[in-house]
Protein backbone atom coordinates (compact mmCIF):
# COMPACT_ATOMS: atom_id res chain seq x y z
CA MET A 1 37.32 22.22 14.81
CA PRO A 2 36.19 25.17 13.09
CA GLN A 3 33.37 24.88 10.27
CA TYR A 4 35.30 23.32 7.09
CA SER A 5 33.89 26.17 4.94
CA SER A 6 35.79 28.73 7.07
CA MET A 7 38.86 26.61 6.64
CA ASP A 8 41.43 27.91 3.90
CA LYS A 9 42.80 25.10 1.46
CA ASP A 10 45.83 24.28 2.56
CA SER A 11 44.00 22.89 5.87
CA LEU A 12 41.22 21.42 4.01
CA LYS A 13 43.90 19.50 2.33
CA GLU A 14 45.39 18.26 6.00
CA GLU A 15 42.32 17.70 7.45
CA TYR A 16 41.25 15.53 4.24
CA LYS A 17 44.53 13.47 4.47
CA LYS A 18 43.91 12.76 8.22
CA ILE A 19 40.52 11.61 7.71
CA SER A 20 41.43 9.66 4.72
CA GLU A 21 43.95 7.66 6.58
CA GLN A 22 41.08 6.84 9.30
CA TYR A 23 38.64 5.67 5.88
CA ALA A 24 41.79 3.47 4.81
CA SER A 25 41.97 1.71 7.96
CA TYR A 26 38.24 0.50 7.96
CA LYS A 27 38.66 -0.77 4.14
CA GLU A 28 41.42 -2.78 5.22
CA GLN A 29 38.95 -4.61 7.64
CA GLU A 30 37.00 -5.64 4.73
CA LEU A 31 33.85 -5.33 6.94
CA SER A 32 30.04 -6.18 5.56
CA LEU A 33 27.58 -4.08 7.10
CA ASN A 34 23.97 -3.31 6.72
CA MET A 35 22.13 -0.16 7.26
CA ALA A 36 20.13 0.03 4.47
CA ARG A 37 16.23 -0.99 5.11
CA GLY A 38 14.35 -0.30 8.63
CA LYS A 39 14.16 -4.04 9.46
CA PRO A 40 13.49 -5.01 12.99
CA GLY A 41 16.69 -6.79 14.40
CA ALA A 42 17.03 -10.37 15.92
CA GLU A 43 16.40 -9.04 19.64
CA GLN A 44 13.32 -7.72 18.82
CA LEU A 45 11.91 -10.55 16.94
CA ASP A 46 13.01 -13.10 20.27
CA ILE A 47 10.39 -10.78 22.06
CA SER A 48 7.41 -12.28 20.09
CA ASN A 49 8.41 -15.51 20.09
CA ASP A 50 6.14 -17.00 22.99
CA MET A 51 3.37 -15.66 20.39
CA LEU A 52 4.07 -18.92 18.40
CA ASN A 53 2.85 -20.96 21.18
CA VAL A 54 -0.76 -19.83 21.67
CA LEU A 55 -2.70 -21.87 19.29
CA THR A 56 -3.36 -25.30 20.21
CA PRO A 57 -6.27 -27.58 20.32
CA GLU A 58 -7.95 -26.39 23.52
CA THR A 59 -8.47 -22.78 22.21
CA MET A 60 -10.80 -24.61 19.92
CA PHE A 61 -9.60 -22.43 17.40
CA LYS A 62 -13.05 -20.54 17.45
CA THR A 63 -14.00 -16.77 17.84
CA GLU A 64 -16.98 -14.23 18.55
CA ASP A 65 -18.00 -14.40 14.97
CA CYS A 66 -15.99 -17.26 13.55
CA PRO A 67 -16.66 -21.05 14.45
CA ASP A 68 -13.55 -22.30 13.03
CA CYS A 69 -10.58 -19.87 12.16
CA ARG A 70 -8.86 -23.16 10.45
CA ASN A 71 -11.67 -23.02 7.65
CA TYR A 72 -12.54 -20.63 4.77
CA GLY A 73 -14.83 -16.93 5.25
CA GLY A 74 -14.43 -14.52 7.37
CA LEU A 75 -13.70 -11.71 4.44
CA SER A 76 -13.41 -8.81 6.84
CA GLY A 77 -11.35 -10.50 9.49
CA ILE A 78 -12.30 -11.79 12.85
CA GLU A 79 -14.10 -9.48 15.23
CA GLU A 80 -11.52 -9.54 17.89
CA ALA A 81 -8.74 -8.67 15.75
CA ARG A 82 -11.01 -5.80 14.23
CA LYS A 83 -11.74 -4.92 17.77
CA LEU A 84 -7.72 -4.40 18.72
CA PHE A 85 -6.91 -2.79 15.71
CA GLY A 86 -9.79 -0.43 15.85
CA ASP A 87 -8.59 0.50 19.50
CA ILE A 88 -4.97 0.90 18.41
CA LEU A 89 -6.24 3.53 15.53
CA GLY A 90 -8.99 5.04 17.52
CA VAL A 91 -11.92 4.06 15.40
CA SER A 92 -15.33 1.64 15.64
CA SER A 93 -14.02 -2.17 14.94
CA GLU A 94 -16.85 -1.44 12.15
CA ASN A 95 -14.40 0.86 10.21
CA ILE A 96 -12.00 -2.12 10.30
CA PHE A 97 -10.70 -4.38 7.63
CA VAL A 98 -8.29 -6.92 8.42
CA GLY A 99 -6.34 -8.46 5.84
CA GLY A 100 -2.95 -10.49 5.25
CA ASN A 101 0.82 -9.49 6.90
CA SER A 102 1.47 -6.41 4.45
CA SER A 103 -0.02 -3.39 5.03
CA LEU A 104 2.01 -2.15 1.90
CA ASN A 105 0.16 -5.10 -0.08
CA MET A 106 -3.12 -3.31 1.00
CA MET A 107 -2.13 0.25 0.15
CA PHE A 108 -1.12 -1.31 -3.47
CA ASP A 109 -4.89 -2.71 -3.62
CA THR A 110 -6.59 0.45 -2.55
CA ILE A 111 -4.67 2.29 -5.06
CA ALA A 112 -5.77 -0.30 -7.58
CA CYS A 113 -9.11 -0.49 -6.51
CA MET A 114 -9.52 3.53 -7.23
CA MET A 115 -7.76 2.85 -10.64
CA GLU A 116 -10.21 0.20 -11.92
CA GLN A 117 -13.90 1.35 -9.81
CA GLY A 118 -15.38 4.73 -9.76
CA LYS A 119 -16.64 6.77 -7.04
CA ASN A 120 -18.61 9.55 -6.15
CA GLY A 121 -19.75 9.82 -9.78
CA GLU A 122 -16.20 9.92 -11.22
CA LYS A 123 -15.07 7.16 -13.48
CA PRO A 124 -12.20 5.07 -12.49
CA TRP A 125 -8.79 6.62 -12.75
CA ASN A 126 -7.47 4.82 -15.44
CA GLN A 127 -10.14 6.38 -17.44
CA GLN A 128 -9.45 9.98 -16.42
CA GLY A 129 -6.12 10.41 -18.30
CA LYS A 130 -3.37 12.00 -17.00
CA ILE A 131 -3.56 11.93 -12.89
CA LYS A 132 -1.45 12.86 -9.96
CA PHE A 133 -0.38 12.22 -6.43
CA LEU A 134 1.48 14.87 -4.12
CA CYS A 135 4.06 13.23 -1.96
CA PRO A 136 5.77 14.88 0.81
CA VAL A 137 9.63 14.57 0.82
CA PRO A 138 11.88 13.14 1.87
CA GLY A 139 9.31 10.51 2.06
CA TYR A 140 8.73 6.79 1.86
CA ASP A 141 10.37 5.32 -1.20
CA ARG A 142 7.58 1.93 -1.36
CA HIS A 143 4.92 4.85 -1.56
CA PHE A 144 6.54 6.28 -4.64
CA GLY A 145 7.38 2.56 -5.89
CA VAL A 146 3.56 2.15 -6.09
CA THR A 147 2.52 5.38 -7.22
CA GLN A 148 4.80 4.96 -9.97
CA TYR A 149 3.80 1.10 -11.06
CA PHE A 150 0.55 2.33 -11.99
CA GLY A 151 1.60 5.15 -13.79
CA ILE A 152 0.46 7.98 -11.86
CA GLU A 153 2.72 11.40 -11.88
CA MET A 154 4.18 12.18 -8.65
CA VAL A 155 4.59 15.90 -7.11
CA ASN A 156 7.05 17.18 -4.43
CA VAL A 157 5.41 18.84 -1.55
CA PRO A 158 8.19 19.47 0.88
CA MET A 159 8.05 18.60 4.61
CA THR A 160 8.22 21.09 7.63
CA SER A 161 8.55 20.35 11.46
CA THR A 162 5.11 19.89 11.47
CA GLY A 163 4.17 17.73 8.52
CA PRO A 164 3.76 18.55 4.90
CA ASP A 165 3.56 22.46 3.92
CA MET A 166 -0.10 22.68 3.68
CA ASP A 167 -0.26 26.00 2.03
CA ILE A 168 1.27 24.25 -0.84
CA VAL A 169 -1.33 21.26 -0.43
CA GLU A 170 -4.24 23.50 -0.16
CA GLU A 171 -3.48 25.05 -2.90
CA LEU A 172 -2.84 22.50 -5.16
CA VAL A 173 -5.79 20.04 -4.23
CA SER A 174 -8.17 23.28 -4.44
CA LYS A 175 -7.39 24.24 -7.71
CA ASP A 176 -6.50 20.70 -9.85
CA SER A 177 -8.82 18.31 -10.11
CA THR A 178 -6.34 15.76 -11.48
CA ILE A 179 -4.67 15.66 -8.32
CA LYS A 180 -6.12 12.33 -6.92
CA GLY A 181 -4.71 11.93 -3.58
CA ILE A 182 -1.55 12.05 -1.03
CA TRP A 183 0.72 9.58 0.61
CA CYS A 184 1.15 10.51 4.30
CA VAL A 185 3.17 8.85 7.12
CA PRO A 186 1.79 10.94 10.00
CA LYS A 187 3.13 10.05 13.23
CA TYR A 188 7.20 9.43 13.13
CA SER A 189 7.27 9.91 9.68
CA ASN A 190 9.96 8.19 7.12
CA PRO A 191 12.85 8.88 7.30
CA GLN A 192 12.65 12.35 9.33
CA GLY A 193 10.38 11.05 12.44
CA ILE A 194 8.33 14.23 12.41
CA THR A 195 4.53 13.51 14.00
CA TYR A 196 2.23 16.11 12.16
CA SER A 197 1.08 18.91 14.20
CA ASP A 198 -2.79 19.53 15.61
CA GLU A 199 -2.85 21.92 13.05
CA THR A 200 -1.77 20.00 10.15
CA VAL A 201 -4.51 17.21 10.83
CA LYS A 202 -7.41 19.25 10.95
CA ARG A 203 -6.18 21.17 7.66
CA PHE A 204 -5.91 18.02 6.11
CA ALA A 205 -9.70 17.07 7.29
CA ALA A 206 -10.64 19.80 5.99
CA LEU A 207 -9.49 20.04 2.77
CA LYS A 208 -11.63 20.69 -0.23
CA PRO A 209 -10.21 19.03 -3.41
CA ALA A 210 -10.86 19.72 -6.72
CA ALA A 211 -11.38 16.26 -7.67
CA LYS A 212 -14.40 14.15 -5.68
CA ASP A 213 -12.26 10.98 -6.04
CA PHE A 214 -9.44 12.87 -3.82
CA ARG A 215 -7.78 10.79 -1.23
CA ILE A 216 -5.56 10.84 1.69
CA MET A 217 -3.30 7.89 2.21
CA TRP A 218 -2.65 7.99 5.84
CA ASP A 219 -0.09 5.31 6.59
CA ASN A 220 0.23 5.35 10.33
CA ALA A 221 3.10 2.72 10.52
CA TYR A 222 4.32 3.64 13.36
CA CYS A 223 1.33 5.14 15.44
CA ILE A 224 2.92 2.86 18.65
CA HIS A 225 6.37 2.97 18.21
CA ASP A 226 7.65 5.60 20.68
CA ILE A 227 11.25 5.21 21.63
CA THR A 228 11.69 7.61 24.02
CA ASP A 229 10.19 9.04 27.48
CA THR A 230 8.86 12.17 25.51
CA PRO A 231 6.75 10.37 23.02
CA ASP A 232 4.81 12.58 20.07
CA THR A 233 0.89 12.43 20.13
CA LEU A 234 -0.96 12.61 17.04
CA LEU A 235 -4.49 13.89 16.63
CA ASN A 236 -6.96 11.10 14.99
CA ILE A 237 -7.75 11.94 11.54
CA PHE A 238 -11.01 10.17 11.52
CA ASP A 239 -12.38 12.54 14.39
CA GLU A 240 -11.79 15.39 12.62
CA CYS A 241 -13.23 14.39 9.15
CA LYS A 242 -16.35 13.51 11.27
CA LYS A 243 -16.28 17.02 12.09
CA THR A 244 -15.92 18.18 8.56
CA GLY A 245 -17.86 15.85 6.67
CA ASN A 246 -14.89 14.05 5.14
CA GLU A 247 -14.74 10.79 6.43
CA ASP A 248 -14.60 9.20 2.61
CA MET A 249 -11.43 11.46 2.16
CA VAL A 250 -9.23 8.98 3.99
CA PHE A 251 -7.70 5.54 4.15
CA GLU A 252 -5.62 4.65 7.16
CA PHE A 253 -3.44 1.74 7.29
CA CYS A 254 -0.86 -0.15 10.02
CA SER A 255 0.24 -3.44 10.57
CA THR A 256 1.94 -5.37 13.37
CA SER A 257 4.73 -5.75 11.03
CA LYS A 258 7.10 -4.29 13.81
CA ILE A 259 5.53 -5.37 16.44
CA THR A 260 5.44 -8.75 16.05
CA PHE A 261 7.16 -10.61 13.15
CA PRO A 262 7.62 -8.41 9.60
CA GLY A 263 6.78 -11.77 7.42
CA ALA A 264 4.17 -13.15 9.63
CA GLY A 265 2.18 -10.20 11.09
CA VAL A 266 -1.27 -8.77 10.39
CA ALA A 267 -2.28 -5.92 8.68
CA ALA A 268 -5.52 -3.63 8.46
CA ILE A 269 -7.12 -0.76 6.95
CA ALA A 270 -9.27 2.19 8.66
CA ALA A 271 -11.91 3.87 6.16
CA SER A 272 -15.61 4.65 6.19
CA LYS A 273 -18.06 2.22 5.67
CA ALA A 274 -18.64 3.82 2.01
CA ASN A 275 -14.71 2.97 1.34
CA LEU A 276 -14.93 -0.34 2.85
CA GLU A 277 -17.37 -0.99 0.68
CA LEU A 278 -15.91 -0.26 -2.41
CA LEU A 279 -12.75 -2.37 -1.40
CA GLU A 280 -14.67 -5.39 -0.47
CA LYS A 281 -16.13 -5.55 -3.95
CA ARG A 282 -12.57 -5.90 -4.85
CA TYR A 283 -11.43 -8.51 -2.08
CA ASN A 284 -14.49 -10.53 -2.87
CA PHE A 285 -13.25 -11.83 -5.91
CA GLN A 286 -9.23 -11.76 -4.70
CA THR A 287 -9.31 -13.77 -1.37
CA ILE A 288 -12.02 -16.12 0.04
CA GLY A 289 -10.60 -14.72 3.63
CA TYR A 290 -6.97 -13.62 4.93
CA ASP A 291 -4.87 -15.87 7.58
CA LYS A 292 -7.58 -15.73 10.45
CA LEU A 293 -5.19 -18.23 12.52
CA ASN A 294 -2.54 -15.65 12.55
CA MET A 295 -5.21 -12.58 13.74
CA LEU A 296 -6.60 -15.36 16.37
CA ARG A 297 -2.69 -16.18 17.26
CA HIS A 298 -2.31 -12.25 17.51
CA VAL A 299 -5.33 -11.45 19.77
CA LEU A 300 -4.78 -14.24 22.15
CA TYR A 301 -1.34 -12.74 22.49
CA PHE A 302 -1.95 -9.47 23.49
CA LYS A 303 -5.57 -9.94 24.32
CA ASN A 304 -6.30 -6.04 24.23
CA LEU A 305 -4.43 -2.63 23.71
CA ASP A 306 -3.01 -2.60 26.86
CA GLY A 307 -1.00 -5.97 25.82
CA VAL A 308 0.04 -4.32 22.76
CA LEU A 309 1.64 -1.40 24.89
CA GLU A 310 3.37 -3.54 27.00
CA HIS A 311 5.11 -5.24 24.32
CA MET A 312 5.94 -1.81 22.52
CA LYS A 313 7.92 -1.10 25.96
CA LYS A 314 10.03 -3.90 25.29
CA HIS A 315 10.95 -2.85 21.72
CA LYS A 316 11.74 0.55 23.35
CA ALA A 317 14.09 -0.76 25.90
CA ILE A 318 15.92 -2.29 22.81
CA LEU A 319 16.02 0.68 20.32
CA GLN A 320 16.40 3.84 22.11
CA PRO A 321 20.31 2.64 23.06
CA ARG A 322 20.69 2.45 19.37
CA PHE A 323 18.91 6.25 18.40
CA ASP A 324 20.74 7.44 21.02
CA MET A 325 24.25 6.30 19.79
CA VAL A 326 23.41 7.24 16.26
CA THR A 327 22.32 10.99 17.03
CA ASP A 328 25.23 11.13 19.68
CA LYS A 329 27.83 9.67 17.24
CA LEU A 330 26.26 12.22 14.72
CA GLU A 331 26.79 15.14 17.52
CA LYS A 332 30.39 13.90 18.43
CA GLU A 333 31.85 13.31 14.89
CA LEU A 334 30.13 16.28 12.69
CA GLY A 335 28.50 18.62 15.28
CA GLY A 336 29.94 22.33 14.70
CA LEU A 337 31.38 21.32 10.95
CA GLY A 338 28.40 22.67 9.05
CA VAL A 339 28.57 19.35 7.09
CA ALA A 340 25.48 18.25 7.96
CA ASN A 341 22.02 18.14 9.85
CA TRP A 342 19.92 15.42 11.40
CA THR A 343 16.60 14.76 12.85
CA LYS A 344 16.30 13.67 16.35
CA PRO A 345 13.29 11.52 16.43
CA ASN A 346 11.14 10.61 19.48
CA GLY A 347 9.76 7.25 17.57
CA GLY A 348 9.57 5.37 14.14
CA TYR A 349 12.53 3.39 12.82
CA PHE A 350 14.66 5.86 11.39
CA VAL A 351 16.98 8.77 11.44
CA SER A 352 17.15 11.95 8.19
CA VAL A 353 20.73 13.21 7.45
CA ASP A 354 20.88 15.71 5.50
CA VAL A 355 24.53 16.42 4.31
CA THR A 356 26.55 18.83 1.98
CA ASP A 357 24.23 19.69 -0.85
CA GLY A 358 25.70 17.43 -4.01
CA CYS A 359 27.23 14.94 -1.75
CA ALA A 360 24.80 12.18 -0.62
CA LYS A 361 25.44 9.69 -3.39
CA ARG A 362 29.21 10.56 -3.13
CA VAL A 363 29.00 9.51 0.93
CA VAL A 364 26.93 6.44 0.06
CA ALA A 365 29.44 5.31 -2.68
CA LEU A 366 32.11 5.95 0.13
CA CYS A 367 30.36 3.64 2.87
CA LYS A 368 29.87 0.99 0.22
CA GLU A 369 33.76 0.95 -0.62
CA ALA A 370 34.12 0.52 2.92
CA GLY A 371 31.61 -2.39 3.65
CA VAL A 372 28.78 -0.17 4.89
CA VAL A 373 25.13 -0.56 3.03
CA LEU A 374 22.89 2.20 3.39
CA THR A 375 19.59 2.98 1.75
CA GLY A 376 20.35 4.44 -1.57
CA ALA A 377 20.96 8.16 -2.24
CA GLY A 378 17.97 9.68 -3.86
CA ALA A 379 15.41 6.94 -2.41
CA THR A 380 13.45 9.42 -0.25
CA TYR A 381 12.16 11.15 -3.39
CA PRO A 382 9.53 10.54 -6.28
CA TYR A 383 12.00 8.84 -9.22
CA GLY A 384 14.86 8.37 -6.86
CA ASN A 385 15.73 12.20 -8.15
CA ASP A 386 16.71 14.22 -4.86
CA PRO A 387 17.43 17.63 -6.73
CA LYS A 388 19.81 18.94 -4.01
CA ASP A 389 21.63 15.30 -3.58
CA SER A 390 22.04 15.62 0.45
CA ASN A 391 19.39 13.21 2.01
CA ILE A 392 20.30 9.92 3.53
CA ARG A 393 17.87 7.92 5.35
CA ILE A 394 20.07 6.13 8.79
CA ALA A 395 18.09 2.40 9.61
CA PRO A 396 19.68 1.91 13.34
CA THR A 397 17.31 -0.95 14.30
CA TYR A 398 18.78 -4.01 12.27
CA PRO A 399 22.17 -4.36 12.96
CA PRO A 400 23.72 -5.46 16.32
CA ILE A 401 24.58 -2.49 18.25
CA SER A 402 28.67 -3.03 18.07
CA GLU A 403 28.10 -3.36 14.42
CA LEU A 404 25.91 0.02 14.24
CA GLU A 405 28.49 1.97 16.34
CA THR A 406 31.02 0.82 13.79
CA ALA A 407 28.70 1.64 10.94
CA MET A 408 28.49 5.10 12.13
CA ASP A 409 31.68 5.76 12.75
CA ILE A 410 32.58 5.03 8.63
CA PHE A 411 29.27 7.28 7.67
CA CYS A 412 31.01 10.14 9.70
CA ILE A 413 33.98 9.75 7.91
CA CYS A 414 32.51 9.17 4.76
CA THR A 415 30.18 12.48 5.53
CA LYS A 416 33.63 14.47 6.39
CA MET A 417 35.43 13.21 3.28
CA ALA A 418 32.47 14.00 0.35
CA ALA A 419 32.33 17.68 2.21
CA LEU A 420 36.33 17.91 2.05
CA GLU A 421 36.24 17.26 -1.54
CA LYS A 422 33.86 19.42 -2.52
CA LEU A 423 35.25 22.12 -0.55
CA ILE A 424 38.65 21.36 -2.15
CA ARG A 425 37.05 21.05 -5.68
CA ASN A 426 35.43 24.81 -5.09
CA SER A 427 38.45 26.55 -3.32
């Protein structure tokens, strides 16, 4: 099949008629398929079920620094959990704060803390007038939602194959003191699955912001979520910040949400001593301590980092066939037509697809009519505004693989239909 753009109008109409008939046959089936969010599927949740049985009266509910995890106290989390997260992120346990089940909640709290508490001689952000945040795009919609909630202006920074365009980042932060931070998903970025290069990480660590209270929000959600035999590697941002004297510039986040149970995992922040002290001032009034039994449950189940990594191999065995099927389907159905480009990540939870400019909303709408729910077009950009109306995030993890295959067939048909409609309209 030649590229659609090289076909004459009659050929385009003939192709559209054929594709429309395929689409109609799927609509008749009244399907209900969902690829909207990056949720673990039932198979993934099942592999952690044994963790529910590790807490017994025989464990005594005691830890190194907590006489009874059933009781109040332990604001920063039990030491064993701090060490486990420190090993995952490559930092000392002294630089770890372990919280509740949601890293997003901890990111929200961190922004709230900076809004309300001054740092480095600066006023709190909410007393500084108009402030801005840099947002690599396409990116994570919930990051953008947090920023928008606090009324912070968002500034798009394009992603490259090695991470955010650092020439733009460096120029903006060095000249504009109203820019207070940047969102980053440094390994297997959401949605493209890009891992920041060593050079990109080093340039982040060496930033010289005009704002003394500039912060990098380093959401390392997929730090150990590899799905191929050739996983990406990510340079340790804190090691690089030590070399440049910028340790206070970074808040790093991770959780077990996609390792064990999303609704009952454990989240953590890695930060400098000064930044942890700032956060603890807030947390000291917000809570008497998070769920230490859940922390203990995870520690007893995994024991150490090696136990976590062995567990992640089970996730990989479930997810790799799904991602392979998605990218193989895209290549088979759309390859060579000139109607879409997509990523083939080595890990994470998403495949990013760029369809014909001006067609993403139409593709999502067509899919919905045929019974396939996708993340909304525009969600990967601040304010839901994708200037090219082209990016769509595919989440292959939640549906059973048989449903996923059907959903991808429909997605490819809808991508062709939207592209053909535009070409016929403009020919």
